[in-house]
Amino acid sequence: MRMIFSTPHVPLIEEIASQLNQEKIEFSIESKQEKEWDNDDYGLTAFSVWINDDDNIDRAKEIVQKAQHKTPFYTAPKIKPVPLNLNFLQKKFKISRSKKRPQPSATWTLFFLLLCIAFFTADAYQRKGSLSNQIEHATPTTFSPMRQAFFIDYPQAVASQDASLERNINQPPTASYWEGIYTLLLMKISGIPADPPPSSNPDHFLERVRQGEIWRLVTPCLLHGDFIHLLFNMLWLIYLGSQIEIRISTFRYILLTVIFAITSNLAQYAVTGPFFLGFSGIVCGLIGFVRSRQRRAPWEGYNLTSATFTFISLFIWTLAALSTLAFFISWYFKTPFGLPLANTAHITGLISGFLFGRLSFFATQEQLFYN
């Protein structure tokens, strides 16, 4: 990576970024404000253009030269400010230097990280105690209390079965509940028997949420199946979430996260039913958002390479293809077969990120990021 140009001229930077983006040259833009009181450029923000691949340096320099000639008023002479004797002013008017503006920080990203770690630890502890008890009494595994409270739905039919298992009564479910479009469609076209059959009754859709437990629309994202699942999601959260949080306001960042959580959770629930978990729906939303902002406003300086985005997209759509293959295998062999991956949440998050990334409401807030 190499810096090829620096200027405080915003229209010029926008023109350069637009041309680099059209040429599909990977780049990033950094901003730096002069904070030395005795410098003539005090308070001036300069923008530096960095090229990721050295093979594109020459072409990028040509683009910069053309943009300099094309952008109006770029060659206008710089007017230097009159030097200010701050010490004299402080003594005469008894004033003090203003405090430095606090730099933006990724506070909420850290909060989400710690929250997921805390919930994972508590859930693992509960599952360990529950599993020991079930092994001792030779009964099937039930959901931990935290998962019962945080799944997007915990149907009454499943709750009754778990209550029986906790009393060491191995009683099969006697009532239907929403198990998703995938299961309904598979049972209908393949004729695979199920006792009881999955429900298509609207009254069974989001039972707990309709009873007032609206936190369930978000909380599945805070649970994780194992340490590797948690680790990968949190690494992506740190890398992407911190970039977004320091560029948009706290309110917008939280709103964006909640939107990705709700849309991905609802889509996954509609397709496969209530028993899924993980932050990856939000992570895919953040990936789609960053990629969308890179295309729409490349001067905002988000850092996500084309190769990384291509790999993530290929991974998600490969899982979609495998899920489709699993569906036809189940249909052909008349045996339920599926992948234990919430890929509908991945796809929904990625698409949601692209769409919301196109909104100017979520553009970089200059007073937060550039100052």
Protein backbone atom coordinates (compact mmCIF):
# COMPACT_ATOMS: atom_id res chain seq x y z
CA MET A 1 0.00 0.00 0.00
CA ARG A 2 1.37 3.43 -0.96
CA MET A 3 0.17 7.02 -0.58
CA ILE A 4 0.15 8.86 -3.91
CA PHE A 5 -1.58 12.15 -3.17
CA SER A 6 -2.79 14.42 -0.37
CA THR A 7 -4.97 17.53 -0.45
CA PRO A 8 -7.56 19.39 1.65
CA HIS A 9 -9.66 19.95 -1.48
CA VAL A 10 -12.82 17.84 -0.97
CA PRO A 11 -14.27 18.09 -4.53
CA LEU A 12 -10.92 16.95 -5.91
CA ILE A 13 -10.82 13.95 -3.56
CA GLU A 14 -14.38 13.03 -4.57
CA GLU A 15 -13.44 13.22 -8.26
CA ILE A 16 -10.31 11.06 -7.73
CA ALA A 17 -12.27 8.50 -5.70
CA SER A 18 -14.97 8.32 -8.37
CA GLN A 19 -12.42 7.74 -11.13
CA LEU A 20 -10.49 5.12 -9.15
CA ASN A 21 -13.71 3.31 -8.41
CA GLN A 22 -14.65 3.29 -12.10
CA GLU A 23 -11.23 1.85 -12.95
CA LYS A 24 -11.74 -0.79 -10.20
CA ILE A 25 -8.52 0.23 -8.47
CA GLU A 26 -8.61 -0.68 -4.78
CA PHE A 27 -7.79 2.28 -2.56
CA SER A 28 -8.50 3.91 0.77
CA ILE A 29 -8.71 7.52 1.91
CA GLU A 30 -7.40 8.76 5.24
CA SER A 31 -8.09 12.13 6.80
CA LYS A 32 -5.86 14.05 9.19
CA GLN A 33 -6.47 17.40 10.82
CA GLU A 34 -3.60 19.74 11.61
CA LYS A 35 -3.66 20.33 15.39
CA GLU A 36 -0.46 22.28 15.99
CA TRP A 37 -1.36 25.78 17.14
CA ASP A 38 1.73 27.41 15.62
CA ASN A 39 1.23 25.84 12.18
CA ASP A 40 -0.26 27.95 9.40
CA ASP A 41 -2.48 25.02 8.45
CA TYR A 42 -4.01 24.68 11.93
CA GLY A 43 -7.55 23.30 11.73
CA LEU A 44 -7.18 22.23 8.10
CA THR A 45 -8.13 18.64 7.25
CA ALA A 46 -6.05 16.94 4.57
CA PHE A 47 -7.15 13.80 2.73
CA SER A 48 -4.57 11.23 1.61
CA VAL A 49 -5.16 8.70 -1.17
CA TRP A 50 -3.61 5.26 -0.61
CA ILE A 51 -3.40 2.61 -3.35
CA ASN A 52 -3.58 -1.00 -2.13
CA ASP A 53 -1.82 -2.68 -5.07
CA ASP A 54 1.54 -1.30 -6.21
CA ASP A 55 0.83 -2.50 -9.75
CA ASN A 56 -1.86 0.19 -10.02
CA ILE A 57 0.32 3.10 -8.83
CA ASP A 58 1.14 4.52 -12.27
CA ARG A 59 -2.44 4.34 -13.48
CA ALA A 60 -3.67 5.94 -10.27
CA LYS A 61 -1.20 8.83 -10.62
CA GLU A 62 -2.49 9.47 -14.14
CA ILE A 63 -6.03 9.64 -12.77
CA VAL A 64 -4.92 12.13 -10.11
CA GLN A 65 -3.28 14.39 -12.71
CA LYS A 66 -6.36 14.39 -14.92
CA ALA A 67 -8.59 15.11 -11.93
CA GLN A 68 -6.41 18.08 -10.94
CA HIS A 69 -6.98 19.68 -14.33
CA LYS A 70 -10.65 18.78 -14.40
CA THR A 71 -11.73 19.93 -10.94
CA PRO A 72 -12.66 23.65 -10.79
CA PHE A 73 -10.75 26.04 -8.54
CA TYR A 74 -8.15 23.47 -7.59
CA THR A 75 -5.27 25.69 -8.73
CA ALA A 76 -6.50 28.71 -6.77
CA PRO A 77 -3.75 30.11 -4.55
CA LYS A 78 -3.91 29.29 -0.88
CA ILE A 79 -4.57 32.21 1.46
CA LYS A 80 -2.62 31.81 4.64
CA PRO A 81 -4.28 32.90 7.90
CA VAL A 82 -2.81 35.68 9.97
CA PRO A 83 -0.68 34.23 12.79
CA LEU A 84 -2.45 34.45 16.13
CA ASN A 85 -0.63 35.17 19.38
CA LEU A 86 -2.53 32.82 21.66
CA ASN A 87 -0.43 33.50 24.74
CA PHE A 88 -1.19 37.24 24.47
CA LEU A 89 -4.93 36.58 24.13
CA GLN A 90 -4.96 34.18 27.04
CA LYS A 91 -3.34 36.72 29.35
CA LYS A 92 -5.36 39.75 28.22
CA PHE A 93 -8.81 38.17 28.07
CA LYS A 94 -8.21 35.41 30.63
CA ILE A 95 -9.26 32.67 28.25
CA SER A 96 -7.99 29.13 28.00
CA ARG A 97 -7.45 26.90 25.00
CA SER A 98 -10.49 24.89 24.06
CA LYS A 99 -10.36 21.23 24.89
CA LYS A 100 -9.62 18.82 22.10
CA ARG A 101 -12.65 17.30 20.45
CA PRO A 102 -12.90 13.65 21.59
CA GLN A 103 -12.01 11.19 18.86
CA PRO A 104 -14.73 8.76 17.75
CA SER A 105 -14.47 5.33 19.34
CA ALA A 106 -16.01 1.92 18.80
CA THR A 107 -17.69 1.77 22.22
CA TRP A 108 -20.82 -0.08 21.12
CA THR A 109 -18.85 -2.56 19.06
CA LEU A 110 -16.94 -3.44 22.23
CA PHE A 111 -20.23 -3.64 24.14
CA PHE A 112 -21.72 -6.11 21.61
CA LEU A 113 -18.50 -8.14 21.80
CA LEU A 114 -18.56 -8.39 25.59
CA LEU A 115 -22.29 -9.12 25.59
CA CYS A 116 -21.89 -12.07 23.21
CA ILE A 117 -18.98 -13.43 25.26
CA ALA A 118 -20.96 -13.13 28.51
CA PHE A 119 -24.03 -14.86 27.05
CA PHE A 120 -21.91 -17.61 25.50
CA THR A 121 -20.22 -18.28 28.86
CA ALA A 122 -23.52 -18.34 30.76
CA ASP A 123 -25.16 -20.58 28.15
CA ALA A 124 -22.20 -23.00 28.15
CA TYR A 125 -22.36 -23.24 31.96
CA GLN A 126 -26.10 -23.94 31.89
CA ARG A 127 -25.76 -26.54 29.14
CA LYS A 128 -22.95 -28.31 31.00
CA GLY A 129 -25.06 -28.66 34.15
CA SER A 130 -28.15 -29.69 32.18
CA LEU A 131 -26.20 -32.26 30.15
CA SER A 132 -24.69 -33.86 33.26
CA ASN A 133 -28.14 -34.25 34.76
CA GLN A 134 -29.57 -35.73 31.57
CA ILE A 135 -26.70 -38.22 31.16
CA GLU A 136 -27.19 -39.32 34.77
CA HIS A 137 -30.89 -40.01 34.18
CA ALA A 138 -30.49 -41.21 30.55
CA THR A 139 -32.95 -38.63 29.16
CA PRO A 140 -32.68 -36.69 25.87
CA THR A 141 -31.10 -33.23 25.86
CA THR A 142 -33.29 -30.18 26.47
CA PHE A 143 -32.56 -26.55 25.68
CA SER A 144 -30.74 -24.49 28.31
CA PRO A 145 -32.79 -21.84 30.18
CA MET A 146 -30.95 -19.09 28.30
CA ARG A 147 -31.79 -20.58 24.92
CA GLN A 148 -35.39 -21.06 26.00
CA ALA A 149 -35.54 -17.34 26.84
CA PHE A 150 -33.55 -16.03 23.84
CA PHE A 151 -34.61 -18.16 20.84
CA ILE A 152 -36.83 -16.18 18.48
CA ASP A 153 -39.62 -18.49 19.61
CA TYR A 154 -40.03 -21.20 22.20
CA PRO A 155 -43.31 -22.88 21.18
CA GLN A 156 -45.64 -24.23 23.82
CA ALA A 157 -45.38 -27.70 22.25
CA VAL A 158 -41.60 -27.73 22.75
CA ALA A 159 -41.86 -26.18 26.22
CA SER A 160 -44.24 -28.95 27.32
CA GLN A 161 -41.89 -31.63 25.98
CA ASP A 162 -38.88 -30.08 27.74
CA ALA A 163 -40.83 -29.88 30.98
CA SER A 164 -41.56 -33.61 30.71
CA LEU A 165 -37.90 -34.40 30.03
CA GLU A 166 -36.84 -32.41 33.09
CA ARG A 167 -39.12 -34.69 35.14
CA ASN A 168 -37.35 -37.68 33.50
CA ILE A 169 -40.41 -38.48 31.40
CA ASN A 170 -39.41 -39.14 27.79
CA GLN A 171 -42.66 -38.03 26.17
CA PRO A 172 -42.72 -37.29 22.41
CA PRO A 173 -44.26 -33.98 21.30
CA THR A 174 -48.02 -34.13 20.98
CA ALA A 175 -48.70 -30.73 19.39
CA SER A 176 -47.52 -29.02 16.22
CA TYR A 177 -45.53 -25.80 15.94
CA TRP A 178 -44.00 -23.69 13.18
CA GLU A 179 -40.98 -25.54 11.76
CA GLY A 180 -40.44 -23.38 8.69
CA ILE A 181 -41.29 -23.26 4.99
CA TYR A 182 -38.43 -25.66 4.22
CA THR A 183 -39.92 -28.45 6.36
CA LEU A 184 -43.50 -27.78 5.22
CA LEU A 185 -42.54 -27.90 1.56
CA LEU A 186 -40.39 -31.01 2.00
CA MET A 187 -43.14 -32.89 3.81
CA LYS A 188 -45.70 -31.91 1.21
CA ILE A 189 -43.81 -32.96 -1.93
CA SER A 190 -41.98 -35.98 -0.52
CA GLY A 191 -44.60 -37.47 1.75
CA ILE A 192 -42.12 -38.04 4.58
CA PRO A 193 -44.19 -38.92 7.68
CA ALA A 194 -44.04 -36.71 10.75
CA ASP A 195 -45.78 -37.12 14.10
CA PRO A 196 -47.04 -34.56 14.77
CA PRO A 197 -46.84 -32.87 11.35
CA PRO A 198 -45.35 -29.35 11.17
CA SER A 199 -47.91 -26.61 11.63
CA SER A 200 -48.90 -24.07 8.98
CA ASN A 201 -51.40 -22.40 11.33
CA PRO A 202 -50.75 -18.61 11.54
CA ASP A 203 -51.57 -18.79 15.26
CA HIS A 204 -48.36 -20.81 15.77
CA PHE A 205 -46.16 -18.17 14.07
CA LEU A 206 -43.99 -16.28 16.61
CA GLU A 207 -46.05 -17.44 19.58
CA ARG A 208 -43.85 -15.82 22.22
CA VAL A 209 -43.33 -12.55 20.36
CA ARG A 210 -47.08 -12.12 19.96
CA GLN A 211 -47.34 -12.63 23.72
CA GLY A 212 -45.12 -9.56 24.26
CA GLU A 213 -41.61 -11.05 24.34
CA ILE A 214 -40.35 -8.74 21.58
CA TRP A 215 -36.68 -9.05 22.64
CA ARG A 216 -36.70 -12.45 20.93
CA LEU A 217 -36.57 -10.70 17.55
CA VAL A 218 -32.95 -9.71 18.35
CA THR A 219 -31.57 -12.04 21.03
CA PRO A 220 -30.83 -15.14 18.86
CA CYS A 221 -27.88 -13.13 17.49
CA LEU A 222 -26.32 -12.98 20.96
CA LEU A 223 -26.08 -16.78 21.35
CA HIS A 224 -23.47 -19.05 19.75
CA GLY A 225 -23.16 -22.79 19.33
CA ASP A 226 -19.46 -23.19 20.14
CA PHE A 227 -16.24 -21.23 20.66
CA ILE A 228 -15.19 -21.27 16.97
CA HIS A 229 -18.61 -19.93 15.99
CA LEU A 230 -18.23 -17.11 18.52
CA LEU A 231 -14.60 -16.38 17.58
CA PHE A 232 -15.17 -15.91 13.86
CA ASN A 233 -18.25 -13.75 14.35
CA MET A 234 -16.53 -11.52 16.89
CA LEU A 235 -13.44 -11.06 14.71
CA TRP A 236 -15.66 -9.85 11.88
CA LEU A 237 -17.59 -7.63 14.30
CA ILE A 238 -14.39 -5.94 15.49
CA TYR A 239 -13.09 -5.45 11.94
CA LEU A 240 -16.30 -4.15 10.36
CA GLY A 241 -18.28 -2.77 13.28
CA SER A 242 -15.49 -0.48 14.45
CA GLN A 243 -15.14 0.99 10.94
CA ILE A 244 -18.84 1.76 10.73
CA GLU A 245 -19.28 3.04 14.28
CA ILE A 246 -16.57 5.73 14.01
CA ARG A 247 -18.10 7.00 10.76
CA ILE A 248 -21.79 7.21 11.64
CA SER A 249 -23.46 8.34 14.85
CA THR A 250 -24.09 6.00 17.78
CA PHE A 251 -27.83 6.09 17.13
CA ARG A 252 -27.40 5.16 13.46
CA TYR A 253 -24.98 2.34 14.28
CA ILE A 254 -27.29 0.78 16.87
CA LEU A 255 -30.28 1.21 14.55
CA LEU A 256 -28.41 -0.47 11.70
CA THR A 257 -27.40 -3.40 13.93
CA VAL A 258 -30.96 -3.91 15.20
CA ILE A 259 -32.35 -3.77 11.65
CA PHE A 260 -29.91 -6.43 10.47
CA ALA A 261 -30.71 -8.59 13.50
CA ILE A 262 -34.49 -8.43 13.05
CA THR A 263 -34.53 -8.94 9.27
CA SER A 264 -32.10 -11.87 9.29
CA ASN A 265 -33.78 -13.54 12.28
CA LEU A 266 -37.28 -13.26 10.81
CA ALA A 267 -36.14 -14.63 7.45
CA GLN A 268 -34.36 -17.57 9.07
CA TYR A 269 -37.35 -18.31 11.29
CA ALA A 270 -39.73 -18.24 8.33
CA VAL A 271 -37.60 -20.77 6.44
CA THR A 272 -36.36 -23.20 9.12
CA GLY A 273 -38.23 -22.52 12.36
CA PRO A 274 -37.10 -21.14 15.72
CA PHE A 275 -33.96 -23.08 16.68
CA PHE A 276 -31.02 -21.11 15.30
CA LEU A 277 -28.47 -18.73 16.79
CA GLY A 278 -25.42 -16.60 15.98
CA PHE A 279 -24.26 -13.08 15.10
CA SER A 280 -23.48 -13.98 11.49
CA GLY A 281 -26.69 -12.46 10.11
CA ILE A 282 -25.58 -9.08 11.45
CA VAL A 283 -22.00 -9.67 10.27
CA CYS A 284 -23.21 -10.32 6.72
CA GLY A 285 -25.30 -7.16 6.98
CA LEU A 286 -22.19 -5.19 7.94
CA ILE A 287 -20.27 -6.72 5.01
CA GLY A 288 -22.99 -5.76 2.56
CA PHE A 289 -23.24 -2.27 4.07
CA VAL A 290 -19.49 -1.59 3.82
CA ARG A 291 -19.37 -2.86 0.24
CA SER A 292 -22.34 -0.70 -0.71
CA ARG A 293 -20.75 2.41 0.84
CA GLN A 294 -17.48 1.67 -0.97
CA ARG A 295 -19.32 1.78 -4.27
CA ARG A 296 -21.58 4.72 -3.48
CA ALA A 297 -19.12 6.92 -1.56
CA PRO A 298 -15.58 5.52 -1.87
CA TRP A 299 -14.07 8.64 -0.27
CA GLU A 300 -15.53 7.52 3.07
CA GLY A 301 -12.55 5.20 3.30
CA TYR A 302 -14.10 1.87 4.34
CA ASN A 303 -11.57 -0.97 4.18
CA LEU A 304 -12.85 -4.22 2.65
CA THR A 305 -10.96 -5.66 -0.31
CA SER A 306 -12.71 -7.04 -3.37
CA ALA A 307 -11.06 -10.43 -2.81
CA THR A 308 -12.46 -10.65 0.73
CA PHE A 309 -15.96 -9.71 -0.37
CA THR A 310 -15.82 -12.17 -3.27
CA PHE A 311 -14.75 -14.97 -0.91
CA ILE A 312 -17.58 -14.23 1.56
CA SER A 313 -20.17 -14.02 -1.23
CA LEU A 314 -18.93 -17.27 -2.77
CA PHE A 315 -19.09 -18.98 0.63
CA ILE A 316 -22.67 -17.84 1.25
CA TRP A 317 -23.99 -18.79 -2.18
CA THR A 318 -22.17 -22.13 -2.04
CA LEU A 319 -24.01 -22.90 1.20
CA ALA A 320 -27.26 -21.92 -0.54
CA ALA A 321 -26.49 -24.37 -3.34
CA LEU A 322 -25.67 -27.13 -0.83
CA SER A 323 -28.93 -26.45 1.04
CA THR A 324 -30.83 -26.80 -2.24
CA LEU A 325 -29.00 -30.05 -2.95
CA ALA A 326 -29.85 -31.33 0.55
CA PHE A 327 -33.53 -30.57 -0.12
CA PHE A 328 -33.56 -32.70 -3.28
CA ILE A 329 -31.63 -35.49 -1.54
CA SER A 330 -34.29 -35.53 1.20
CA TRP A 331 -37.04 -35.57 -1.40
CA TYR A 332 -35.46 -38.36 -3.44
CA PHE A 333 -34.55 -40.68 -0.56
CA LYS A 334 -37.62 -39.81 1.53
CA THR A 335 -35.37 -39.05 4.50
CA PRO A 336 -35.00 -35.65 6.23
CA PHE A 337 -31.54 -34.25 5.54
CA GLY A 338 -30.31 -30.70 6.02
CA LEU A 339 -27.32 -28.52 6.87
CA PRO A 340 -27.06 -27.14 10.44
CA LEU A 341 -26.35 -23.62 9.13
CA ALA A 342 -28.56 -20.53 9.26
CA ASN A 343 -27.74 -19.53 5.69
CA THR A 344 -31.03 -17.71 5.13
CA ALA A 345 -29.88 -15.22 7.76
CA HIS A 346 -26.58 -14.80 5.88
CA ILE A 347 -28.28 -14.04 2.56
CA THR A 348 -30.88 -11.74 4.13
CA GLY A 349 -28.20 -9.85 6.06
CA LEU A 350 -26.05 -9.38 2.98
CA ILE A 351 -28.95 -8.06 0.90
CA SER A 352 -30.15 -5.80 3.73
CA GLY A 353 -26.65 -4.37 4.08
CA PHE A 354 -26.52 -3.52 0.38
CA LEU A 355 -29.90 -1.79 0.49
CA PHE A 356 -29.33 0.26 3.64
CA GLY A 357 -25.81 1.15 2.48
CA ARG A 358 -27.38 3.08 -0.38
CA LEU A 359 -29.23 5.42 1.96
CA SER A 360 -27.66 8.83 2.58
CA PHE A 361 -29.01 8.61 6.13
CA PHE A 362 -26.17 6.19 6.89
CA ALA A 363 -23.45 8.22 5.18
CA THR A 364 -20.31 9.16 7.11
CA GLN A 365 -20.99 11.95 9.57
CA GLU A 366 -18.19 14.41 8.83
CA GLN A 367 -18.46 16.23 12.14
CA LEU A 368 -17.79 12.91 13.90
CA PHE A 369 -15.18 11.36 11.63
CA TYR A 370 -13.24 14.12 9.95
CA ASN A 371 -12.94 16.53 12.86
